[in-house]
Amino acid sequence: MEYFQIDFTLDKKVRGRYEMPHTIEITSKEVSEYIDQNLSYKNNCESIDDVLDNLPEPVVGKLLKRKDVVDYMDYCYDNPIVVGVVSSKFKQVIESLQINKNEYRFKELKLKNFEDSFYLFLVPMIPETDIVFPECLFWNEETNEENIRLDCRESWAKASIDICLRKVVVNSKYKNNDIISPRIANVFFSERIIRALENNNIVGFDVIPKTQRYSQSISFHEE
């Protein structure tokens, strides 16, 4: 299965005159605090059912500096579990693919001045114990040296700030997943998800070219 990464679009035809993508701010203070405390890098979040069961309601947000919305929008606080805010159309496309629910969740969000439903799109991170760190590849942004190997996460933390992840290798048990979020990389989506989003004219995302300087790839460790 082939995997891709996506980003919030900066296409001027979509974003308009604004420099940044469409961005949502969660205005429910209790919700923001709860997300920061329970959906962070310090939590493995292999299953997010318990976390979502305790998420305060309602989840309320507002669109920043714009009058219109798109299907895939940024969330103004950096959080590894909350991938973005999505429309009902986006949600319907994902659910139509019958992806294992352990790979994602949606939580309804009421958006100020909009009657349509929107959702937090949440993806649990796979634990670092399922990342085969010695097989991951890195590159040096300053010297452009490729295929650097590091033996563990601590070695990367101690390395130069110019060392960037190029390829992440994870346990083979994830090879049939459609959505994979390693703790050291951005989220990966299967080709069938990307094609479904494109075929249904989902607006607001761009597929990151694999030739792009900061793109990442994923592969699977075989025992």
C-alpha atoms as a PDB file:
ATOM      1  CA  MET A   1       0.000   0.000   0.000  1.00  0.00           C
ATOM      2  CA  GLU A   2       1.309   3.448  -0.865  1.00  0.00           C
ATOM      3  CA  TYR A   3       1.073   6.320   1.607  1.00  0.00           C
ATOM      4  CA  PHE A   4       0.990  10.090   1.297  1.00  0.00           C
ATOM      5  CA  GLN A   5       1.076  13.086   3.603  1.00  0.00           C
ATOM      6  CA  ILE A   6      -1.172  16.106   3.211  1.00  0.00           C
ATOM      7  CA  ASP A   7      -1.136  19.708   4.353  1.00  0.00           C
ATOM      8  CA  PHE A   8      -3.625  22.546   4.597  1.00  0.00           C
ATOM      9  CA  THR A   9      -3.749  24.215   1.216  1.00  0.00           C
ATOM     10  CA  LEU A  10      -2.110  27.543   0.487  1.00  0.00           C
ATOM     11  CA  ASP A  11      -3.611  27.663  -2.993  1.00  0.00           C
ATOM     12  CA  LYS A  12      -4.632  31.287  -3.508  1.00  0.00           C
ATOM     13  CA  LYS A  13      -7.809  30.170  -5.265  1.00  0.00           C
ATOM     14  CA  VAL A  14      -8.856  28.578  -1.975  1.00  0.00           C
ATOM     15  CA  ARG A  15      -7.194  30.665   0.712  1.00  0.00           C
ATOM     16  CA  GLY A  16      -7.904  33.965  -1.022  1.00  0.00           C
ATOM     17  CA  ARG A  17      -5.834  36.973  -0.071  1.00  0.00           C
ATOM     18  CA  TYR A  18      -4.847  35.522   3.290  1.00  0.00           C
ATOM     19  CA  GLU A  19      -1.332  34.170   3.821  1.00  0.00           C
ATOM     20  CA  MET A  20      -2.438  31.325   6.073  1.00  0.00           C
ATOM     21  CA  PRO A  21      -4.898  28.460   5.456  1.00  0.00           C
ATOM     22  CA  HIS A  22      -8.431  28.443   6.843  1.00  0.00           C
ATOM     23  CA  THR A  23      -7.990  28.138  10.612  1.00  0.00           C
ATOM     24  CA  ILE A  24     -10.373  27.304  13.434  1.00  0.00           C
ATOM     25  CA  GLU A  25     -10.000  28.480  17.014  1.00  0.00           C
ATOM     26  CA  ILE A  26     -11.729  26.435  19.686  1.00  0.00           C
ATOM     27  CA  THR A  27     -13.484  28.925  21.930  1.00  0.00           C
ATOM     28  CA  SER A  28     -14.645  26.445  24.572  1.00  0.00           C
ATOM     29  CA  LYS A  29     -11.977  27.011  27.230  1.00  0.00           C
ATOM     30  CA  GLU A  30     -12.640  23.721  29.014  1.00  0.00           C
ATOM     31  CA  VAL A  31     -12.324  21.808  25.729  1.00  0.00           C
ATOM     32  CA  SER A  32      -9.028  23.465  24.785  1.00  0.00           C
ATOM     33  CA  GLU A  33      -7.579  22.767  28.218  1.00  0.00           C
ATOM     34  CA  TYR A  34      -8.770  19.174  28.134  1.00  0.00           C
ATOM     35  CA  ILE A  35      -7.253  18.547  24.692  1.00  0.00           C
ATOM     36  CA  ASP A  36      -3.922  20.030  25.760  1.00  0.00           C
ATOM     37  CA  GLN A  37      -3.845  17.902  28.899  1.00  0.00           C
ATOM     38  CA  ASN A  38      -5.073  14.583  27.472  1.00  0.00           C
ATOM     39  CA  LEU A  39      -4.180  14.568  23.772  1.00  0.00           C
ATOM     40  CA  SER A  40      -0.491  15.366  23.703  1.00  0.00           C
ATOM     41  CA  TYR A  41       2.891  13.856  22.925  1.00  0.00           C
ATOM     42  CA  LYS A  42       3.108  12.593  26.495  1.00  0.00           C
ATOM     43  CA  ASN A  43       0.059  10.366  25.934  1.00  0.00           C
ATOM     44  CA  ASN A  44       0.400   7.271  23.746  1.00  0.00           C
ATOM     45  CA  CYS A  45      -3.314   7.460  22.844  1.00  0.00           C
ATOM     46  CA  GLU A  46      -3.361   4.011  21.282  1.00  0.00           C
ATOM     47  CA  SER A  47      -7.104   4.143  21.953  1.00  0.00           C
ATOM     48  CA  ILE A  48      -8.816   7.499  22.313  1.00  0.00           C
ATOM     49  CA  ASP A  49     -12.279   6.214  23.246  1.00  0.00           C
ATOM     50  CA  ASP A  50     -11.837   6.931  26.947  1.00  0.00           C
ATOM     51  CA  VAL A  51     -10.436  10.374  26.236  1.00  0.00           C
ATOM     52  CA  LEU A  52     -13.338  11.301  23.963  1.00  0.00           C
ATOM     53  CA  ASP A  53     -15.900   9.968  26.433  1.00  0.00           C
ATOM     54  CA  ASN A  54     -14.648  12.540  28.925  1.00  0.00           C
ATOM     55  CA  LEU A  55     -14.224  15.435  26.495  1.00  0.00           C
ATOM     56  CA  PRO A  56     -16.276  18.412  27.740  1.00  0.00           C
ATOM     57  CA  GLU A  57     -19.248  19.457  25.648  1.00  0.00           C
ATOM     58  CA  PRO A  58     -20.192  21.350  23.644  1.00  0.00           C
ATOM     59  CA  VAL A  59     -17.116  21.822  21.469  1.00  0.00           C
ATOM     60  CA  VAL A  60     -17.464  25.325  20.036  1.00  0.00           C
ATOM     61  CA  GLY A  61     -15.169  27.177  17.654  1.00  0.00           C
ATOM     62  CA  LYS A  62     -14.903  30.093  15.284  1.00  0.00           C
ATOM     63  CA  LEU A  63     -13.375  30.659  11.867  1.00  0.00           C
ATOM     64  CA  LEU A  64     -10.538  33.176  12.001  1.00  0.00           C
ATOM     65  CA  LYS A  65     -10.536  36.184   9.642  1.00  0.00           C
ATOM     66  CA  ARG A  66     -12.732  34.610   6.968  1.00  0.00           C
ATOM     67  CA  LYS A  67     -16.371  34.418   5.931  1.00  0.00           C
ATOM     68  CA  ASP A  68     -16.247  31.040   4.178  1.00  0.00           C
ATOM     69  CA  VAL A  69     -15.216  27.517   5.146  1.00  0.00           C
ATOM     70  CA  VAL A  70     -13.650  24.553   3.341  1.00  0.00           C
ATOM     71  CA  ASP A  71     -13.724  20.807   3.992  1.00  0.00           C
ATOM     72  CA  TYR A  72     -10.301  20.517   5.646  1.00  0.00           C
ATOM     73  CA  MET A  73      -9.149  23.289   7.976  1.00  0.00           C
ATOM     74  CA  ASP A  74      -6.311  23.955  10.365  1.00  0.00           C
ATOM     75  CA  TYR A  75      -6.675  24.150  14.132  1.00  0.00           C
ATOM     76  CA  CYS A  76      -4.763  27.064  15.599  1.00  0.00           C
ATOM     77  CA  TYR A  77      -3.254  25.201  18.556  1.00  0.00           C
ATOM     78  CA  ASP A  78      -0.519  22.701  17.707  1.00  0.00           C
ATOM     79  CA  ASN A  79      -1.672  19.273  18.840  1.00  0.00           C
ATOM     80  CA  PRO A  80      -0.447  15.903  17.515  1.00  0.00           C
ATOM     81  CA  ILE A  81      -3.799  14.140  17.883  1.00  0.00           C
ATOM     82  CA  VAL A  82      -6.139  16.791  16.479  1.00  0.00           C
ATOM     83  CA  VAL A  83      -5.291  16.575  12.773  1.00  0.00           C
ATOM     84  CA  GLY A  84      -7.740  19.300  11.746  1.00  0.00           C
ATOM     85  CA  VAL A  85     -11.345  20.432  11.567  1.00  0.00           C
ATOM     86  CA  VAL A  86     -13.379  18.863   8.777  1.00  0.00           C
ATOM     87  CA  SER A  87     -16.774  19.166   7.135  1.00  0.00           C
ATOM     88  CA  SER A  88     -19.582  16.611   7.094  1.00  0.00           C
ATOM     89  CA  LYS A  89     -18.603  15.837   3.502  1.00  0.00           C
ATOM     90  CA  PHE A  90     -15.043  14.964   4.541  1.00  0.00           C
ATOM     91  CA  LYS A  91     -16.408  12.812   7.374  1.00  0.00           C
ATOM     92  CA  GLN A  92     -18.755  10.975   5.023  1.00  0.00           C
ATOM     93  CA  VAL A  93     -15.930  10.167   2.598  1.00  0.00           C
ATOM     94  CA  ILE A  94     -13.731   8.721   5.351  1.00  0.00           C
ATOM     95  CA  GLU A  95     -16.577   6.700   6.845  1.00  0.00           C
ATOM     96  CA  SER A  96     -17.574   5.316   3.432  1.00  0.00           C
ATOM     97  CA  LEU A  97     -14.171   3.603   3.188  1.00  0.00           C
ATOM     98  CA  GLN A  98     -14.940   1.469   6.267  1.00  0.00           C
ATOM     99  CA  ILE A  99     -11.591   2.175   7.871  1.00  0.00           C
ATOM    100  CA  ASN A 100     -10.928   0.577  11.241  1.00  0.00           C
ATOM    101  CA  LYS A 101     -12.279   2.961  13.886  1.00  0.00           C
ATOM    102  CA  ASN A 102      -9.127   2.451  15.967  1.00  0.00           C
ATOM    103  CA  GLU A 103      -7.337   4.579  13.369  1.00  0.00           C
ATOM    104  CA  TYR A 104      -9.424   7.736  13.728  1.00  0.00           C
ATOM    105  CA  ARG A 105     -12.335   9.459  15.423  1.00  0.00           C
ATOM    106  CA  PHE A 106     -14.579  12.462  14.776  1.00  0.00           C
ATOM    107  CA  LYS A 107     -15.971  14.785  17.430  1.00  0.00           C
ATOM    108  CA  GLU A 108     -18.678  17.274  16.472  1.00  0.00           C
ATOM    109  CA  LEU A 109     -17.769  20.950  16.679  1.00  0.00           C
ATOM    110  CA  LYS A 110     -20.283  23.800  16.551  1.00  0.00           C
ATOM    111  CA  LEU A 111     -18.838  26.582  14.417  1.00  0.00           C
ATOM    112  CA  LYS A 112     -19.991  30.098  15.188  1.00  0.00           C
ATOM    113  CA  ASN A 113     -22.140  31.667  12.414  1.00  0.00           C
ATOM    114  CA  PHE A 114     -22.453  28.360  10.514  1.00  0.00           C
ATOM    115  CA  GLU A 115     -25.397  25.966  10.601  1.00  0.00           C
ATOM    116  CA  ASP A 116     -23.556  23.048   8.972  1.00  0.00           C
ATOM    117  CA  SER A 117     -21.846  20.486  11.198  1.00  0.00           C
ATOM    118  CA  PHE A 118     -18.086  20.329  11.500  1.00  0.00           C
ATOM    119  CA  TYR A 119     -15.856  17.878  13.312  1.00  0.00           C
ATOM    120  CA  LEU A 120     -12.529  17.550  15.044  1.00  0.00           C
ATOM    121  CA  PHE A 121     -10.591  14.899  13.098  1.00  0.00           C
ATOM    122  CA  LEU A 122      -8.566  12.938  15.632  1.00  0.00           C
ATOM    123  CA  VAL A 123      -5.885  10.356  14.888  1.00  0.00           C
ATOM    124  CA  PRO A 124      -4.142   8.470  17.718  1.00  0.00           C
ATOM    125  CA  MET A 125      -0.351   8.271  17.592  1.00  0.00           C
ATOM    126  CA  ILE A 126       1.280   4.860  17.502  1.00  0.00           C
ATOM    127  CA  PRO A 127       3.682   4.429  20.430  1.00  0.00           C
ATOM    128  CA  GLU A 128       7.416   4.909  20.036  1.00  0.00           C
ATOM    129  CA  THR A 129       7.945   1.258  20.957  1.00  0.00           C
ATOM    130  CA  ASP A 130       6.432   0.403  17.556  1.00  0.00           C
ATOM    131  CA  ILE A 131       8.908   2.622  15.710  1.00  0.00           C
ATOM    132  CA  VAL A 132      12.075   0.788  14.593  1.00  0.00           C
ATOM    133  CA  PHE A 133      14.365   3.722  15.205  1.00  0.00           C
ATOM    134  CA  PRO A 134      17.687   2.232  13.958  1.00  0.00           C
ATOM    135  CA  GLU A 135      16.094   1.662  10.525  1.00  0.00           C
ATOM    136  CA  CYS A 136      14.723   5.208  10.197  1.00  0.00           C
ATOM    137  CA  LEU A 137      16.590   7.553   7.869  1.00  0.00           C
ATOM    138  CA  PHE A 138      17.461  11.193   8.459  1.00  0.00           C
ATOM    139  CA  TRP A 139      19.082  13.986   6.469  1.00  0.00           C
ATOM    140  CA  ASN A 140      21.102  17.066   7.313  1.00  0.00           C
ATOM    141  CA  GLU A 141      19.291  20.221   6.254  1.00  0.00           C
ATOM    142  CA  GLU A 142      22.516  22.242   6.348  1.00  0.00           C
ATOM    143  CA  THR A 143      24.875  19.890   4.462  1.00  0.00           C
ATOM    144  CA  ASN A 144      22.173  17.937   2.570  1.00  0.00           C
ATOM    145  CA  GLU A 145      23.758  14.666   3.695  1.00  0.00           C
ATOM    146  CA  GLU A 146      21.280  11.811   3.241  1.00  0.00           C
ATOM    147  CA  ASN A 147      20.727   8.372   4.769  1.00  0.00           C
ATOM    148  CA  ILE A 148      21.847   9.280   8.272  1.00  0.00           C
ATOM    149  CA  ARG A 149      21.003   6.647  10.875  1.00  0.00           C
ATOM    150  CA  LEU A 150      20.489   7.170  14.594  1.00  0.00           C
ATOM    151  CA  ASP A 151      20.115   4.395  17.123  1.00  0.00           C
ATOM    152  CA  CYS A 152      17.360   5.905  19.267  1.00  0.00           C
ATOM    153  CA  ARG A 153      15.151   8.922  19.909  1.00  0.00           C
ATOM    154  CA  GLU A 154      17.624  10.238  22.482  1.00  0.00           C
ATOM    155  CA  SER A 155      20.385  10.298  19.840  1.00  0.00           C
ATOM    156  CA  TRP A 156      18.184  12.430  17.615  1.00  0.00           C
ATOM    157  CA  ALA A 157      17.441  14.800  20.482  1.00  0.00           C
ATOM    158  CA  LYS A 158      21.180  15.237  21.058  1.00  0.00           C
ATOM    159  CA  ALA A 159      22.010  15.633  17.341  1.00  0.00           C
ATOM    160  CA  SER A 160      22.222  18.899  15.439  1.00  0.00           C
ATOM    161  CA  ILE A 161      18.988  20.806  14.981  1.00  0.00           C
ATOM    162  CA  ASP A 162      19.641  20.456  11.244  1.00  0.00           C
ATOM    163  CA  ILE A 163      18.944  16.682  11.360  1.00  0.00           C
ATOM    164  CA  CYS A 164      15.473  16.029   9.904  1.00  0.00           C
ATOM    165  CA  LEU A 165      13.454  12.856   9.497  1.00  0.00           C
ATOM    166  CA  ARG A 166      13.320  11.455   5.966  1.00  0.00           C
ATOM    167  CA  LYS A 167      11.899   7.931   6.427  1.00  0.00           C
ATOM    168  CA  VAL A 168      10.164   6.385   9.417  1.00  0.00           C
ATOM    169  CA  VAL A 169      10.046   2.608   9.840  1.00  0.00           C
ATOM    170  CA  VAL A 170       7.264   1.094  11.940  1.00  0.00           C
ATOM    171  CA  ASN A 171       6.200  -2.347  13.062  1.00  0.00           C
ATOM    172  CA  SER A 172       4.723  -4.505  10.296  1.00  0.00           C
ATOM    173  CA  LYS A 173       1.409  -4.822  12.177  1.00  0.00           C
ATOM    174  CA  TYR A 174       0.487  -1.399  10.747  1.00  0.00           C
ATOM    175  CA  LYS A 175       1.047  -2.294   7.103  1.00  0.00           C
ATOM    176  CA  ASN A 176      -2.681  -2.660   6.387  1.00  0.00           C
ATOM    177  CA  ASN A 177      -3.690   0.540   8.163  1.00  0.00           C
ATOM    178  CA  ASP A 178      -5.135   3.374   6.120  1.00  0.00           C
ATOM    179  CA  ILE A 179      -4.079   6.052   8.614  1.00  0.00           C
ATOM    180  CA  ILE A 180      -0.760   5.944  10.460  1.00  0.00           C
ATOM    181  CA  SER A 181       0.526   8.594  12.846  1.00  0.00           C
ATOM    182  CA  PRO A 182       4.019   7.755  14.158  1.00  0.00           C
ATOM    183  CA  ARG A 183       5.040   9.845  17.158  1.00  0.00           C
ATOM    184  CA  ILE A 184       8.098  11.212  15.330  1.00  0.00           C
ATOM    185  CA  ALA A 185       6.453  12.001  11.977  1.00  0.00           C
ATOM    186  CA  ASN A 186       3.436  13.644  10.406  1.00  0.00           C
ATOM    187  CA  VAL A 187       0.310  11.608   9.625  1.00  0.00           C
ATOM    188  CA  PHE A 188       0.320   9.226   6.649  1.00  0.00           C
ATOM    189  CA  PHE A 189      -2.804   8.432   4.603  1.00  0.00           C
ATOM    190  CA  SER A 190      -3.289   5.511   2.248  1.00  0.00           C
ATOM    191  CA  GLU A 191      -3.614   6.084  -1.463  1.00  0.00           C
ATOM    192  CA  ARG A 192      -7.260   5.007  -1.408  1.00  0.00           C
ATOM    193  CA  ILE A 193      -8.062   7.777   1.093  1.00  0.00           C
ATOM    194  CA  ILE A 194      -6.319  10.378  -1.058  1.00  0.00           C
ATOM    195  CA  ARG A 195      -8.114   9.203  -4.183  1.00  0.00           C
ATOM    196  CA  ALA A 196     -11.484   9.215  -2.416  1.00  0.00           C
ATOM    197  CA  LEU A 197     -10.942  12.764  -1.161  1.00  0.00           C
ATOM    198  CA  GLU A 198      -9.915  13.945  -4.616  1.00  0.00           C
ATOM    199  CA  ASN A 199     -12.754  12.122  -6.385  1.00  0.00           C
ATOM    200  CA  ASN A 200     -15.280  13.727  -4.045  1.00  0.00           C
ATOM    201  CA  ASN A 201     -13.843  17.218  -4.547  1.00  0.00           C
ATOM    202  CA  ILE A 202     -12.821  17.696  -0.932  1.00  0.00           C
ATOM    203  CA  VAL A 203     -11.391  21.214  -0.668  1.00  0.00           C
ATOM    204  CA  GLY A 204      -8.709  22.494   1.690  1.00  0.00           C
ATOM    205  CA  PHE A 205      -5.831  20.043   1.437  1.00  0.00           C
ATOM    206  CA  ASP A 206      -2.796  19.526  -0.767  1.00  0.00           C
ATOM    207  CA  VAL A 207      -0.914  16.260  -1.173  1.00  0.00           C
ATOM    208  CA  ILE A 208       2.726  16.832  -0.273  1.00  0.00           C
ATOM    209  CA  PRO A 209       4.916  15.832  -3.250  1.00  0.00           C
ATOM    210  CA  LYS A 210       7.362  13.092  -2.330  1.00  0.00           C
ATOM    211  CA  THR A 211      10.069  15.160  -3.988  1.00  0.00           C
ATOM    212  CA  GLN A 212       9.457  18.075  -1.647  1.00  0.00           C
ATOM    213  CA  ARG A 213      12.435  18.956   0.537  1.00  0.00           C
ATOM    214  CA  TYR A 214      10.722  18.188   3.841  1.00  0.00           C
ATOM    215  CA  SER A 215       8.569  15.259   2.743  1.00  0.00           C
ATOM    216  CA  GLN A 216       8.642  12.065   4.784  1.00  0.00           C
ATOM    217  CA  SER A 217       8.079   8.457   3.796  1.00  0.00           C
ATOM    218  CA  ILE A 218       7.076   5.356   5.704  1.00  0.00           C
ATOM    219  CA  SER A 219       8.001   1.700   5.484  1.00  0.00           C
ATOM    220  CA  PHE A 220       7.467  -1.396   7.602  1.00  0.00           C
ATOM    221  CA  HIS A 221       9.884  -3.535   9.531  1.00  0.00           C
ATOM    222  CA  GLU A 222       9.690  -7.222   8.709  1.00  0.00           C
ATOM    223  CA  GLU A 223      10.653  -9.707  11.387  1.00  0.00           C
END
